PDB file of N, CA and C in Angstrom:
ATOM      1  N   MET A   1     -64.895  -1.329 -17.213  1.00  0.00           N
ATOM      2  CA  MET A   1     -63.499  -1.512 -17.799  1.00  0.00           C
ATOM      3  C   MET A   1     -63.201  -1.755 -19.267  1.00  0.00           C
ATOM      4  N   ILE A   2     -63.595  -2.585 -20.103  1.00  0.00           N
ATOM      5  CA  ILE A   2     -63.523  -2.998 -21.034  1.00  0.00           C
ATOM      6  C   ILE A   2     -65.130  -3.266 -21.525  1.00  0.00           C
ATOM      7  N   PRO A   3     -65.390  -2.363 -22.686  1.00  0.00           N
ATOM      8  CA  PRO A   3     -66.929  -2.506 -23.171  1.00  0.00           C
ATOM      9  C   PRO A   3     -67.326  -4.310 -23.671  1.00  0.00           C
ATOM     10  N   GLY A   4     -68.257  -4.610 -23.605  1.00  0.00           N
ATOM     11  CA  GLY A   4     -68.761  -6.127 -23.814  1.00  0.00           C
ATOM     12  C   GLY A   4     -68.279  -7.245 -23.515  1.00  0.00           C
ATOM     13  N   VAL A   5     -67.026  -7.356 -22.547  1.00  0.00           N
ATOM     14  CA  VAL A   5     -66.562  -8.184 -21.535  1.00  0.00           C
ATOM     15  C   VAL A   5     -67.086  -8.384 -20.113  1.00  0.00           C
ATOM     16  N   ASN A   6     -67.439  -9.880 -19.891  1.00  0.00           N
ATOM     17  CA  ASN A   6     -67.845  -9.790 -18.374  1.00  0.00           C
ATOM     18  C   ASN A   6     -67.019  -9.482 -17.981  1.00  0.00           C
ATOM     19  N   PRO A   7     -67.573  -8.620 -16.690  1.00  0.00           N
ATOM     20  CA  PRO A   7     -66.466  -8.308 -15.658  1.00  0.00           C
ATOM     21  C   PRO A   7     -65.804  -9.497 -14.588  1.00  0.00           C
ATOM     22  N   ARG A   8     -66.631 -10.724 -14.491  1.00  0.00           N
ATOM     23  CA  ARG A   8     -66.111 -11.719 -14.598  1.00  0.00           C
ATOM     24  C   ARG A   8     -65.052 -12.301 -14.735  1.00  0.00           C
ATOM     25  N   GLN A   9     -64.944 -12.626 -16.301  1.00  0.00           N
ATOM     26  CA  GLN A   9     -64.234 -13.048 -16.893  1.00  0.00           C
ATOM     27  C   GLN A   9     -63.208 -12.301 -16.945  1.00  0.00           C
ATOM     28  N   MET A  10     -63.257 -10.956 -16.873  1.00  0.00           N
ATOM     29  CA  MET A  10     -61.866  -9.965 -16.764  1.00  0.00           C
ATOM     30  C   MET A  10     -61.431 -10.189 -16.003  1.00  0.00           C
ATOM     31  N   GLN A  11     -61.997 -10.470 -14.676  1.00  0.00           N
ATOM     32  CA  GLN A  11     -61.160 -10.664 -13.291  1.00  0.00           C
ATOM     33  C   GLN A  11     -60.479 -11.887 -13.611  1.00  0.00           C
ATOM     34  N   GLN A  12     -61.042 -13.006 -14.125  1.00  0.00           N
ATOM     35  CA  GLN A  12     -60.008 -14.053 -14.056  1.00  0.00           C
ATOM     36  C   GLN A  12     -58.862 -13.967 -15.493  1.00  0.00           C
ATOM     37  N   MET A  13     -59.368 -13.149 -16.811  1.00  0.00           N
ATOM     38  CA  MET A  13     -57.883 -12.890 -17.081  1.00  0.00           C
ATOM     39  C   MET A  13     -56.973 -12.291 -16.190  1.00  0.00           C
ATOM     40  N   MET A  14     -57.294 -11.016 -15.641  1.00  0.00           N
ATOM     41  CA  MET A  14     -56.150 -10.243 -14.944  1.00  0.00           C
ATOM     42  C   MET A  14     -55.520 -11.236 -13.888  1.00  0.00           C
ATOM     43  N   LYS A  15     -56.470 -11.891 -13.143  1.00  0.00           N
ATOM     44  CA  LYS A  15     -55.738 -12.867 -12.374  1.00  0.00           C
ATOM     45  C   LYS A  15     -54.507 -13.933 -12.935  1.00  0.00           C
ATOM     46  N   LYS A  16     -54.757 -14.349 -14.182  1.00  0.00           N
ATOM     47  CA  LYS A  16     -53.657 -15.373 -14.550  1.00  0.00           C
ATOM     48  C   LYS A  16     -52.709 -14.529 -15.175  1.00  0.00           C
ATOM     49  N   MET A  17     -52.811 -13.019 -15.118  1.00  0.00           N
ATOM     50  CA  MET A  17     -51.876 -12.527 -16.001  1.00  0.00           C
ATOM     51  C   MET A  17     -50.921 -11.576 -14.473  1.00  0.00           C
ATOM     52  N   GLY A  18     -51.208 -12.068 -13.466  1.00  0.00           N
ATOM     53  CA  GLY A  18     -50.685 -11.635 -12.117  1.00  0.00           C
ATOM     54  C   GLY A  18     -50.928 -10.426 -11.974  1.00  0.00           C
ATOM     55  N   ILE A  19     -52.125 -10.010 -12.008  1.00  0.00           N
ATOM     56  CA  ILE A  19     -52.904  -8.698 -11.428  1.00  0.00           C
ATOM     57  C   ILE A  19     -54.179  -8.706 -10.632  1.00  0.00           C
ATOM     58  N   ASN A  20     -53.940  -8.624  -9.564  1.00  0.00           N
ATOM     59  CA  ASN A  20     -55.062  -8.705  -8.624  1.00  0.00           C
ATOM     60  C   ASN A  20     -55.525  -6.544  -8.105  1.00  0.00           C
ATOM     61  N   GLN A  21     -57.176  -6.720  -7.978  1.00  0.00           N
ATOM     62  CA  GLN A  21     -57.545  -5.904  -8.274  1.00  0.00           C
ATOM     63  C   GLN A  21     -58.528  -5.684  -6.908  1.00  0.00           C
ATOM     64  N   ALA A  22     -58.603  -4.733  -6.021  1.00  0.00           N
ATOM     65  CA  ALA A  22     -59.252  -4.532  -4.719  1.00  0.00           C
ATOM     66  C   ALA A  22     -59.987  -3.073  -4.540  1.00  0.00           C
ATOM     67  N   GLU A  23     -60.713  -3.394  -4.441  1.00  0.00           N
ATOM     68  CA  GLU A  23     -62.105  -1.798  -3.960  1.00  0.00           C
ATOM     69  C   GLU A  23     -61.581  -1.573  -2.921  1.00  0.00           C
ATOM     70  N   LEU A  24     -60.946  -0.273  -2.797  1.00  0.00           N
ATOM     71  CA  LEU A  24     -61.037  -0.067  -1.105  1.00  0.00           C
ATOM     72  C   LEU A  24     -62.546   1.327  -1.185  1.00  0.00           C
ATOM     73  N   THR A  25     -62.712   1.216   0.564  1.00  0.00           N
ATOM     74  CA  THR A  25     -63.603   1.823   0.727  1.00  0.00           C
ATOM     75  C   THR A  25     -63.101   2.978   1.253  1.00  0.00           C
ATOM     76  N   ALA A  26     -63.415   4.261   0.483  1.00  0.00           N
ATOM     77  CA  ALA A  26     -62.970   5.524   1.006  1.00  0.00           C
ATOM     78  C   ALA A  26     -63.534   6.572   1.021  1.00  0.00           C
ATOM     79  N   THR A  27     -64.313   7.382   2.121  1.00  0.00           N
ATOM     80  CA  THR A  27     -65.008   8.345   2.248  1.00  0.00           C
ATOM     81  C   THR A  27     -64.098   9.757   1.641  1.00  0.00           C
ATOM     82  N   GLN A  28     -63.124   9.839   1.964  1.00  0.00           N
ATOM     83  CA  GLN A  28     -62.559  11.271   1.296  1.00  0.00           C
ATOM     84  C   GLN A  28     -60.989  10.977   1.150  1.00  0.00           C
ATOM     85  N   VAL A  29     -60.406  11.792  -0.107  1.00  0.00           N
ATOM     86  CA  VAL A  29     -58.790  11.391  -0.577  1.00  0.00           C
ATOM     87  C   VAL A  29     -58.488  12.703  -0.531  1.00  0.00           C
ATOM     88  N   ILE A  30     -57.580  13.209  -0.104  1.00  0.00           N
ATOM     89  CA  ILE A  30     -56.488  14.373   0.079  1.00  0.00           C
ATOM     90  C   ILE A  30     -55.260  14.080  -0.594  1.00  0.00           C
ATOM     91  N   ILE A  31     -55.227  15.007  -1.595  1.00  0.00           N
ATOM     92  CA  ILE A  31     -53.820  15.228  -2.367  1.00  0.00           C
ATOM     93  C   ILE A  31     -53.210  16.379  -2.063  1.00  0.00           C
ATOM     94  N   LYS A  32     -51.812  16.378  -1.182  1.00  0.00           N
ATOM     95  CA  LYS A  32     -51.105  17.835  -1.084  1.00  0.00           C
ATOM     96  C   LYS A  32     -50.423  17.992  -2.470  1.00  0.00           C
ATOM     97  N   LEU A  33     -50.593  19.320  -2.873  1.00  0.00           N
ATOM     98  CA  LEU A  33     -49.777  19.508  -3.668  1.00  0.00           C
ATOM     99  C   LEU A  33     -48.457  20.312  -3.669  1.00  0.00           C
ATOM    100  N   ASP A  34     -47.737  20.598  -4.567  1.00  0.00           N
ATOM    101  CA  ASP A  34     -46.225  21.152  -3.940  1.00  0.00           C
ATOM    102  C   ASP A  34     -46.338  22.443  -3.795  1.00  0.00           C
ATOM    103  N   ASN A  35     -47.976  23.481  -4.472  1.00  0.00           N
ATOM    104  CA  ASN A  35     -47.974  24.745  -4.414  1.00  0.00           C
ATOM    105  C   ASN A  35     -48.722  25.080  -2.777  1.00  0.00           C
ATOM    106  N   GLY A  36     -48.362  24.107  -1.892  1.00  0.00           N
ATOM    107  CA  GLY A  36     -49.190  24.114  -0.511  1.00  0.00           C
ATOM    108  C   GLY A  36     -50.673  24.074  -0.494  1.00  0.00           C
ATOM    109  N   LYS A  37     -51.484  23.568  -1.565  1.00  0.00           N
ATOM    110  CA  LYS A  37     -52.797  23.399  -1.747  1.00  0.00           C
ATOM    111  C   LYS A  37     -53.021  21.999  -1.638  1.00  0.00           C
ATOM    112  N   GLU A  38     -54.508  21.782  -1.373  1.00  0.00           N
ATOM    113  CA  GLU A  38     -54.713  20.484  -1.620  1.00  0.00           C
ATOM    114  C   GLU A  38     -56.069  20.229  -2.681  1.00  0.00           C
ATOM    115  N   LEU A  39     -55.854  18.795  -3.097  1.00  0.00           N
ATOM    116  CA  LEU A  39     -57.055  18.446  -4.008  1.00  0.00           C
ATOM    117  C   LEU A  39     -57.856  17.717  -3.001  1.00  0.00           C
ATOM    118  N   VAL A  40     -59.125  17.784  -3.020  1.00  0.00           N
ATOM    119  CA  VAL A  40     -59.779  16.911  -2.269  1.00  0.00           C
ATOM    120  C   VAL A  40     -61.190  16.195  -3.439  1.00  0.00           C
ATOM    121  N   PHE A  41     -61.304  15.080  -3.007  1.00  0.00           N
ATOM    122  CA  PHE A  41     -61.982  13.935  -3.573  1.00  0.00           C
ATOM    123  C   PHE A  41     -63.150  13.416  -2.608  1.00  0.00           C
ATOM    124  N   PRO A  42     -64.015  14.362  -2.207  1.00  0.00           N
ATOM    125  CA  PRO A  42     -65.318  14.070  -0.957  1.00  0.00           C
ATOM    126  C   PRO A  42     -65.545  12.420  -0.936  1.00  0.00           C
ATOM    127  N   ASP A  43     -66.043  11.783  -2.221  1.00  0.00           N
ATOM    128  CA  ASP A  43     -66.613  10.360  -2.292  1.00  0.00           C
ATOM    129  C   ASP A  43     -66.394   9.757  -3.349  1.00  0.00           C
ATOM    130  N   PRO A  44     -64.744   9.462  -2.989  1.00  0.00           N
ATOM    131  CA  PRO A  44     -63.669   8.823  -4.428  1.00  0.00           C
ATOM    132  C   PRO A  44     -64.190   7.214  -4.553  1.00  0.00           C
ATOM    133  N   SER A  45     -63.934   6.796  -5.730  1.00  0.00           N
ATOM    134  CA  SER A  45     -63.887   5.412  -6.133  1.00  0.00           C
ATOM    135  C   SER A  45     -62.344   5.117  -5.830  1.00  0.00           C
ATOM    136  N   VAL A  46     -61.757   4.281  -5.103  1.00  0.00           N
ATOM    137  CA  VAL A  46     -60.494   3.762  -5.007  1.00  0.00           C
ATOM    138  C   VAL A  46     -60.078   2.377  -5.280  1.00  0.00           C
ATOM    139  N   SER A  47     -59.201   2.141  -6.374  1.00  0.00           N
ATOM    140  CA  SER A  47     -58.995   0.811  -6.647  1.00  0.00           C
ATOM    141  C   SER A  47     -57.259   0.617  -6.094  1.00  0.00           C
ATOM    142  N   LYS A  48     -57.111  -0.525  -5.562  1.00  0.00           N
ATOM    143  CA  LYS A  48     -55.728  -0.817  -5.490  1.00  0.00           C
ATOM    144  C   LYS A  48     -55.320  -1.847  -6.503  1.00  0.00           C
ATOM    145  N   ILE A  49     -54.659  -1.643  -7.071  1.00  0.00           N
ATOM    146  CA  ILE A  49     -54.016  -2.636  -8.312  1.00  0.00           C
ATOM    147  C   ILE A  49     -52.547  -3.324  -7.843  1.00  0.00           C
ATOM    148  N   ASN A  50     -52.239  -4.387  -7.639  1.00  0.00           N
ATOM    149  CA  ASN A  50     -50.968  -5.415  -7.622  1.00  0.00           C
ATOM    150  C   ASN A  50     -50.819  -6.003  -8.849  1.00  0.00           C
ATOM    151  N   MET A  51     -50.047  -5.801  -9.495  1.00  0.00           N
ATOM    152  CA  MET A  51     -49.405  -6.262 -10.633  1.00  0.00           C
ATOM    153  C   MET A  51     -47.821  -6.704 -10.395  1.00  0.00           C
ATOM    154  N   MET A  52     -47.509  -7.827 -10.302  1.00  0.00           N
ATOM    155  CA  MET A  52     -46.502  -8.782 -10.017  1.00  0.00           C
ATOM    156  C   MET A  52     -45.388  -7.775  -9.110  1.00  0.00           C
ATOM    157  N   GLY A  53     -46.224  -7.792  -7.867  1.00  0.00           N
ATOM    158  CA  GLY A  53     -45.567  -6.927  -6.972  1.00  0.00           C
ATOM    159  C   GLY A  53     -45.405  -5.544  -6.941  1.00  0.00           C
ATOM    160  N   GLN A  54     -45.906  -4.732  -7.845  1.00  0.00           N
ATOM    161  CA  GLN A  54     -45.955  -3.209  -7.954  1.00  0.00           C
ATOM    162  C   GLN A  54     -47.276  -2.885  -7.890  1.00  0.00           C
ATOM    163  N   VAL A  55     -47.787  -2.111  -6.878  1.00  0.00           N
ATOM    164  CA  VAL A  55     -48.757  -1.579  -6.305  1.00  0.00           C
ATOM    165  C   VAL A  55     -49.002  -0.415  -6.524  1.00  0.00           C
ATOM    166  N   THR A  56     -50.345  -0.223  -7.176  1.00  0.00           N
ATOM    167  CA  THR A  56     -50.865   1.363  -7.760  1.00  0.00           C
ATOM    168  C   THR A  56     -52.187   1.409  -7.032  1.00  0.00           C
ATOM    169  N   TYR A  57     -52.459   2.805  -6.894  1.00  0.00           N
ATOM    170  CA  TYR A  57     -53.939   3.040  -6.466  1.00  0.00           C
ATOM    171  C   TYR A  57     -54.583   3.565  -7.799  1.00  0.00           C
ATOM    172  N   GLN A  58     -55.763   3.646  -8.207  1.00  0.00           N
ATOM    173  CA  GLN A  58     -56.433   4.064  -9.330  1.00  0.00           C
ATOM    174  C   GLN A  58     -57.630   5.087  -8.332  1.00  0.00           C
ATOM    175  N   LEU A  59     -57.522   6.430  -8.994  1.00  0.00           N
ATOM    176  CA  LEU A  59     -58.592   7.435  -7.929  1.00  0.00           C
ATOM    177  C   LEU A  59     -59.479   7.696  -9.217  1.00  0.00           C
ATOM    178  N   THR A  60     -60.745   7.375  -9.008  1.00  0.00           N
ATOM    179  CA  THR A  60     -62.082   8.366  -9.609  1.00  0.00           C
ATOM    180  C   THR A  60     -62.792   9.074  -8.988  1.00  0.00           C
ATOM    181  N   GLY A  61     -63.160  10.304  -9.548  1.00  0.00           N
ATOM    182  CA  GLY A  61     -64.410  11.242  -8.559  1.00  0.00           C
ATOM    183  C   GLY A  61     -64.112  12.213  -8.966  1.00  0.00           C
ATOM    184  N   GLU A  62     -65.124  13.260  -8.393  1.00  0.00           N
ATOM    185  CA  GLU A  62     -65.142  14.522  -8.483  1.00  0.00           C
ATOM    186  C   GLU A  62     -63.977  15.280  -7.325  1.00  0.00           C
ATOM    187  N   SER A  63     -63.605  16.458  -7.828  1.00  0.00           N
ATOM    188  CA  SER A  63     -62.469  16.893  -6.731  1.00  0.00           C
ATOM    189  C   SER A  63     -62.755  18.380  -6.600  1.00  0.00           C
ATOM    190  N   PHE A  64     -61.977  19.033  -5.969  1.00  0.00           N
ATOM    191  CA  PHE A  64     -62.029  20.532  -5.873  1.00  0.00           C
ATOM    192  C   PHE A  64     -60.697  20.817  -5.426  1.00  0.00           C
ATOM    193  N   GLU A  65     -60.320  21.867  -5.014  1.00  0.00           N
ATOM    194  CA  GLU A  65     -58.891  22.648  -4.765  1.00  0.00           C
ATOM    195  C   GLU A  65     -59.266  23.640  -3.692  1.00  0.00           C
ATOM    196  N   ARG A  66     -58.408  23.230  -2.352  1.00  0.00           N
ATOM    197  CA  ARG A  66     -58.319  23.989  -1.317  1.00  0.00           C
ATOM    198  C   ARG A  66     -57.116  24.201  -0.885  1.00  0.00           C
ATOM    199  N   ASP A  67     -57.397  25.917  -0.370  1.00  0.00           N
ATOM    200  CA  ASP A  67     -56.079  25.810   0.738  1.00  0.00           C
ATOM    201  C   ASP A  67     -56.099  25.835   2.221  1.00  0.00           C
ATOM    202  N   PRO A  68     -55.269  25.192   2.473  1.00  0.00           N
ATOM    203  CA  PRO A  68     -55.492  24.582   3.689  1.00  0.00           C
ATOM    204  C   PRO A  68     -55.122  25.483   4.915  1.00  0.00           C
ATOM    205  N   THR A  69     -54.250  26.461   4.547  1.00  0.00           N
ATOM    206  CA  THR A  69     -53.766  27.485   5.478  1.00  0.00           C
ATOM    207  C   THR A  69     -55.173  28.374   6.417  1.00  0.00           C
ATOM    208  N   PRO A  70     -54.853  27.504   7.672  1.00  0.00           N
ATOM    209  CA  PRO A  70     -56.127  28.136   8.883  1.00  0.00           C
ATOM    210  C   PRO A  70     -56.353  29.922   8.939  1.00  0.00           C
ATOM    211  N   PRO A  71     -57.533  30.135   8.728  1.00  0.00           N
ATOM    212  CA  PRO A  71     -57.921  31.682   8.861  1.00  0.00           C
ATOM    213  C   PRO A  71     -57.311  32.217  10.327  1.00  0.00           C
ATOM    214  N   PRO A  72     -57.062  33.563  10.380  1.00  0.00           N
ATOM    215  CA  PRO A  72     -56.129  33.773  11.599  1.00  0.00           C
ATOM    216  C   PRO A  72     -57.256  33.880  12.620  1.00  0.00           C
ATOM    217  N   THR A  73     -56.723  32.968  13.868  1.00  0.00           N
ATOM    218  CA  THR A  73     -57.343  32.926  15.060  1.00  0.00           C
ATOM    219  C   THR A  73     -57.855  34.109  15.315  1.00  0.00           C
ATOM    220  N   LEU A  74     -58.843  33.850  16.418  1.00  0.00           N
ATOM    221  CA  LEU A  74     -59.220  35.487  17.004  1.00  0.00           C
ATOM    222  C   LEU A  74     -58.320  35.816  18.231  1.00  0.00           C
ATOM    223  N   SER A  75     -57.467  34.990  18.774  1.00  0.00           N
ATOM    224  CA  SER A  75     -56.600  35.515  19.616  1.00  0.00           C
ATOM    225  C   SER A  75     -55.341  36.447  18.736  1.00  0.00           C
ATOM    226  N   ASN A  76     -55.139  35.776  17.660  1.00  0.00           N
ATOM    227  CA  ASN A  76     -54.196  36.517  16.647  1.00  0.00           C
ATOM    228  C   ASN A  76     -54.961  38.345  16.455  1.00  0.00           C
ATOM    229  N   SER A  77     -56.223  38.157  16.367  1.00  0.00           N
ATOM    230  CA  SER A  77     -56.811  39.273  15.582  1.00  0.00           C
ATOM    231  C   SER A  77     -56.983  40.547  16.809  1.00  0.00           C
ATOM    232  N   ILE A  78     -57.294  39.887  18.254  1.00  0.00           N
ATOM    233  CA  ILE A  78     -57.368  40.940  19.116  1.00  0.00           C
ATOM    234  C   ILE A  78     -55.963  41.718  19.492  1.00  0.00           C
ATOM    235  N   SER A  79     -56.189  43.042  19.440  1.00  0.00           N
ATOM    236  CA  SER A  79     -54.783  43.943  19.917  1.00  0.00           C
ATOM    237  C   SER A  79     -54.791  44.132  21.500  1.00  0.00           C
ATOM    238  N   GLU A  80     -53.464  44.162  21.457  1.00  0.00           N
ATOM    239  CA  GLU A  80     -52.930  44.476  22.921  1.00  0.00           C
ATOM    240  C   GLU A  80     -53.676  45.370  23.707  1.00  0.00           C
ATOM    241  N   ASP A  81     -53.845  46.756  22.497  1.00  0.00           N
ATOM    242  CA  ASP A  81     -54.764  47.511  23.028  1.00  0.00           C
ATOM    243  C   ASP A  81     -56.250  47.522  23.807  1.00  0.00           C
ATOM    244  N   ASP A  82     -56.809  46.373  23.089  1.00  0.00           N
ATOM    245  CA  ASP A  82     -58.160  45.975  23.496  1.00  0.00           C
ATOM    246  C   ASP A  82     -57.910  45.668  24.723  1.00  0.00           C
ATOM    247  N   ILE A  83     -56.987  44.374  24.733  1.00  0.00           N
ATOM    248  CA  ILE A  83     -56.845  43.920  26.230  1.00  0.00           C
ATOM    249  C   ILE A  83     -56.693  44.602  27.699  1.00  0.00           C
ATOM    250  N   LYS A  84     -55.852  45.644  26.977  1.00  0.00           N
ATOM    251  CA  LYS A  84     -55.415  46.597  28.037  1.00  0.00           C
ATOM    252  C   LYS A  84     -56.983  47.621  28.464  1.00  0.00           C
ATOM    253  N   THR A  85     -57.775  47.703  27.519  1.00  0.00           N
ATOM    254  CA  THR A  85     -58.726  48.562  28.026  1.00  0.00           C
ATOM    255  C   THR A  85     -59.933  47.870  28.715  1.00  0.00           C
ATOM    256  N   VAL A  86     -59.875  46.711  28.349  1.00  0.00           N
ATOM    257  CA  VAL A  86     -60.697  45.666  29.289  1.00  0.00           C
ATOM    258  C   VAL A  86     -60.019  45.505  30.729  1.00  0.00           C
ATOM    259  N   MET A  87     -58.868  45.548  30.786  1.00  0.00           N
ATOM    260  CA  MET A  87     -58.150  45.353  32.079  1.00  0.00           C
ATOM    261  C   MET A  87     -58.100  46.495  33.067  1.00  0.00           C
ATOM    262  N   GLN A  88     -58.401  47.709  32.392  1.00  0.00           N
ATOM    263  CA  GLN A  88     -58.672  48.709  32.892  1.00  0.00           C
ATOM    264  C   GLN A  88     -59.886  49.210  33.413  1.00  0.00           C
ATOM    265  N   GLN A  89     -60.391  48.843  32.435  1.00  0.00           N
ATOM    266  CA  GLN A  89     -61.987  49.173  32.531  1.00  0.00           C
ATOM    267  C   GLN A  89     -62.774  48.311  33.795  1.00  0.00           C
ATOM    268  N   THR A  90     -62.542  47.081  33.780  1.00  0.00           N
ATOM    269  CA  THR A  90     -62.650  45.751  34.862  1.00  0.00           C
ATOM    270  C   THR A  90     -61.619  45.375  36.083  1.00  0.00           C
ATOM    271  N   GLY A  91     -60.437  46.041  35.833  1.00  0.00           N
ATOM    272  CA  GLY A  91     -59.714  45.578  36.475  1.00  0.00           C
ATOM    273  C   GLY A  91     -59.513  43.982  36.746  1.00  0.00           C
ATOM    274  N   ALA A  92     -59.090  43.260  35.373  1.00  0.00           N
ATOM    275  CA  ALA A  92     -59.433  42.375  35.549  1.00  0.00           C
ATOM    276  C   ALA A  92     -57.887  41.712  35.055  1.00  0.00           C
ATOM    277  N   SER A  93     -57.782  40.676  35.056  1.00  0.00           N
ATOM    278  CA  SER A  93     -56.034  40.249  34.738  1.00  0.00           C
ATOM    279  C   SER A  93     -55.813  40.200  33.388  1.00  0.00           C
ATOM    280  N   LYS A  94     -54.792  40.148  32.570  1.00  0.00           N
ATOM    281  CA  LYS A  94     -54.684  40.039  31.146  1.00  0.00           C
ATOM    282  C   LYS A  94     -55.364  38.729  30.658  1.00  0.00           C
ATOM    283  N   GLU A  95     -54.912  37.834  31.605  1.00  0.00           N
ATOM    284  CA  GLU A  95     -55.865  36.421  30.968  1.00  0.00           C
ATOM    285  C   GLU A  95     -57.271  36.376  30.968  1.00  0.00           C
ATOM    286  N   LYS A  96     -57.754  36.808  32.108  1.00  0.00           N
ATOM    287  CA  LYS A  96     -59.096  37.084  32.518  1.00  0.00           C
ATOM    288  C   LYS A  96     -59.722  38.081  31.238  1.00  0.00           C
ATOM    289  N   ALA A  97     -59.023  39.282  30.859  1.00  0.00           N
ATOM    290  CA  ALA A  97     -59.437  40.300  29.756  1.00  0.00           C
ATOM    291  C   ALA A  97     -59.388  39.202  28.315  1.00  0.00           C
ATOM    292  N   LEU A  98     -58.506  38.572  28.093  1.00  0.00           N
ATOM    293  CA  LEU A  98     -58.239  37.959  26.820  1.00  0.00           C
ATOM    294  C   LEU A  98     -59.273  36.841  26.662  1.00  0.00           C
ATOM    295  N   GLN A  99     -59.716  36.145  27.761  1.00  0.00           N
ATOM    296  CA  GLN A  99     -60.642  35.308  27.345  1.00  0.00           C
ATOM    297  C   GLN A  99     -62.312  35.918  27.176  1.00  0.00           C
ATOM    298  N   ALA A 100     -62.483  36.597  27.783  1.00  0.00           N
ATOM    299  CA  ALA A 100     -63.930  37.753  27.900  1.00  0.00           C
ATOM    300  C   ALA A 100     -63.493  38.120  26.551  1.00  0.00           C
ATOM    301  N   LEU A 101     -62.904  38.709  26.094  1.00  0.00           N
ATOM    302  CA  LEU A 101     -62.520  39.424  24.379  1.00  0.00           C
ATOM    303  C   LEU A 101     -63.054  38.325  23.585  1.00  0.00           C
ATOM    304  N   LYS A 102     -62.485  36.947  23.976  1.00  0.00           N
ATOM    305  CA  LYS A 102     -62.398  35.730  22.813  1.00  0.00           C
ATOM    306  C   LYS A 102     -63.923  35.393  23.164  1.00  0.00           C
ATOM    307  N   ASN A 103     -64.459  35.527  23.984  1.00  0.00           N
ATOM    308  CA  ASN A 103     -65.589  34.380  24.715  1.00  0.00           C
ATOM    309  C   ASN A 103     -67.066  35.464  24.030  1.00  0.00           C
ATOM    310  N   ASN A 104     -66.677  36.693  23.765  1.00  0.00           N
ATOM    311  CA  ASN A 104     -67.725  38.180  22.589  1.00  0.00           C
ATOM    312  C   ASN A 104     -67.006  38.489  21.392  1.00  0.00           C
ATOM    313  N   ASP A 105     -66.072  37.516  20.540  1.00  0.00           N
ATOM    314  CA  ASP A 105     -65.708  37.555  19.374  1.00  0.00           C
ATOM    315  C   ASP A 105     -65.159  39.014  18.884  1.00  0.00           C
ATOM    316  N   GLY A 106     -64.444  39.560  20.330  1.00  0.00           N
ATOM    317  CA  GLY A 106     -63.492  40.731  20.163  1.00  0.00           C
ATOM    318  C   GLY A 106     -64.407  41.815  20.385  1.00  0.00           C
ATOM    319  N   ASP A 107     -65.589  42.102  21.035  1.00  0.00           N
ATOM    320  CA  ASP A 107     -66.449  43.015  21.422  1.00  0.00           C
ATOM    321  C   ASP A 107     -66.030  43.731  22.273  1.00  0.00           C
ATOM    322  N   LEU A 108     -65.428  44.794  22.398  1.00  0.00           N
ATOM    323  CA  LEU A 108     -65.138  45.180  23.738  1.00  0.00           C
ATOM    324  C   LEU A 108     -65.618  45.826  25.021  1.00  0.00           C
ATOM    325  N   ALA A 109     -67.033  46.232  24.316  1.00  0.00           N
ATOM    326  CA  ALA A 109     -67.907  46.486  25.278  1.00  0.00           C
ATOM    327  C   ALA A 109     -69.006  44.973  26.113  1.00  0.00           C
ATOM    328  N   SER A 110     -68.847  44.174  25.380  1.00  0.00           N
ATOM    329  CA  SER A 110     -69.638  42.797  25.777  1.00  0.00           C
ATOM    330  C   SER A 110     -68.583  42.247  26.492  1.00  0.00           C
ATOM    331  N   ALA A 111     -67.247  42.334  26.393  1.00  0.00           N
ATOM    332  CA  ALA A 111     -66.432  41.862  27.178  1.00  0.00           C
ATOM    333  C   ALA A 111     -66.342  42.303  28.453  1.00  0.00           C
ATOM    334  N   ILE A 112     -66.054  43.836  28.647  1.00  0.00           N
ATOM    335  CA  ILE A 112     -66.191  44.758  29.807  1.00  0.00           C
ATOM    336  C   ILE A 112     -67.537  44.093  30.523  1.00  0.00           C
ATOM    337  N   MET A 113     -68.831  44.212  29.773  1.00  0.00           N
ATOM    338  CA  MET A 113     -69.775  43.467  30.462  1.00  0.00           C
ATOM    339  C   MET A 113     -69.992  42.338  31.219  1.00  0.00           C
ATOM    340  N   GLU A 114     -69.104  41.088  30.373  1.00  0.00           N
ATOM    341  CA  GLU A 114     -69.232  40.074  31.100  1.00  0.00           C
ATOM    342  C   GLU A 114     -68.144  40.181  32.037  1.00  0.00           C
ATOM    343  N   LEU A 115     -67.243  40.640  32.241  1.00  0.00           N
ATOM    344  CA  LEU A 115     -66.324  41.068  33.497  1.00  0.00           C
ATOM    345  C   LEU A 115     -67.060  41.470  34.449  1.00  0.00           C
ATOM    346  N   SER A 116     -67.701  42.671  34.353  1.00  0.00           N
ATOM    347  CA  SER A 116     -68.282  43.577  35.125  1.00  0.00           C
ATOM    348  C   SER A 116     -69.251  42.944  36.069  1.00  0.00           C
ATOM    349  N   ASN A 117     -70.143  41.817  35.358  1.00  0.00           N
ATOM    350  CA  ASN A 117     -71.093  40.824  35.731  1.00  0.00           C
ATOM    351  C   ASN A 117     -70.867  40.278  36.574  1.00  0.00           C
ATOM    352  N   SER A 118     -69.812  39.467  36.283  1.00  0.00           N
ATOM    353  CA  SER A 118     -69.108  38.264  36.688  1.00  0.00           C
ATOM    354  C   SER A 118     -68.559  38.445  38.027  1.00  0.00           C
ATOM    355  N   GLU A 119     -68.492  39.975  38.222  1.00  0.00           N
ATOM    356  CA  GLU A 119     -67.893  40.352  39.950  1.00  0.00           C
ATOM    357  C   GLU A 119     -68.841  40.750  40.754  1.00  0.00           C
ATOM    358  N   GLU A 120     -69.905  40.969  40.036  1.00  0.00           N
ATOM    359  CA  GLU A 120     -71.320  41.303  40.932  1.00  0.00           C
ATOM    360  C   GLU A 120     -71.707  40.526  42.136  1.00  0.00           C
TER     361      GLU A 120
END
């Protein structure tokens, strides 16, 4: 806080002025920005300050920015042609063909082998 001032005395002075401060235990703080990105504080120090009914939070710590948009899922990257190929080669339903492709990270040959082996 202020150099050379005893922290206990500082707390007493703040209490006389109607200021209460409490440290909060937080493992992570995420601030969502207007541009769609997030500001992440992985190990923050957070204080809750109540000054005459006005509550504010003080946040300190290292941060980084991240884009929370998820990467495309595997089911979005599997083409209809791949599903049809697996269906034609194995005689499996569309659902089974899609599941086999998901199980094998979109690898056609592995998906066909999986379905062919499961029928035996």
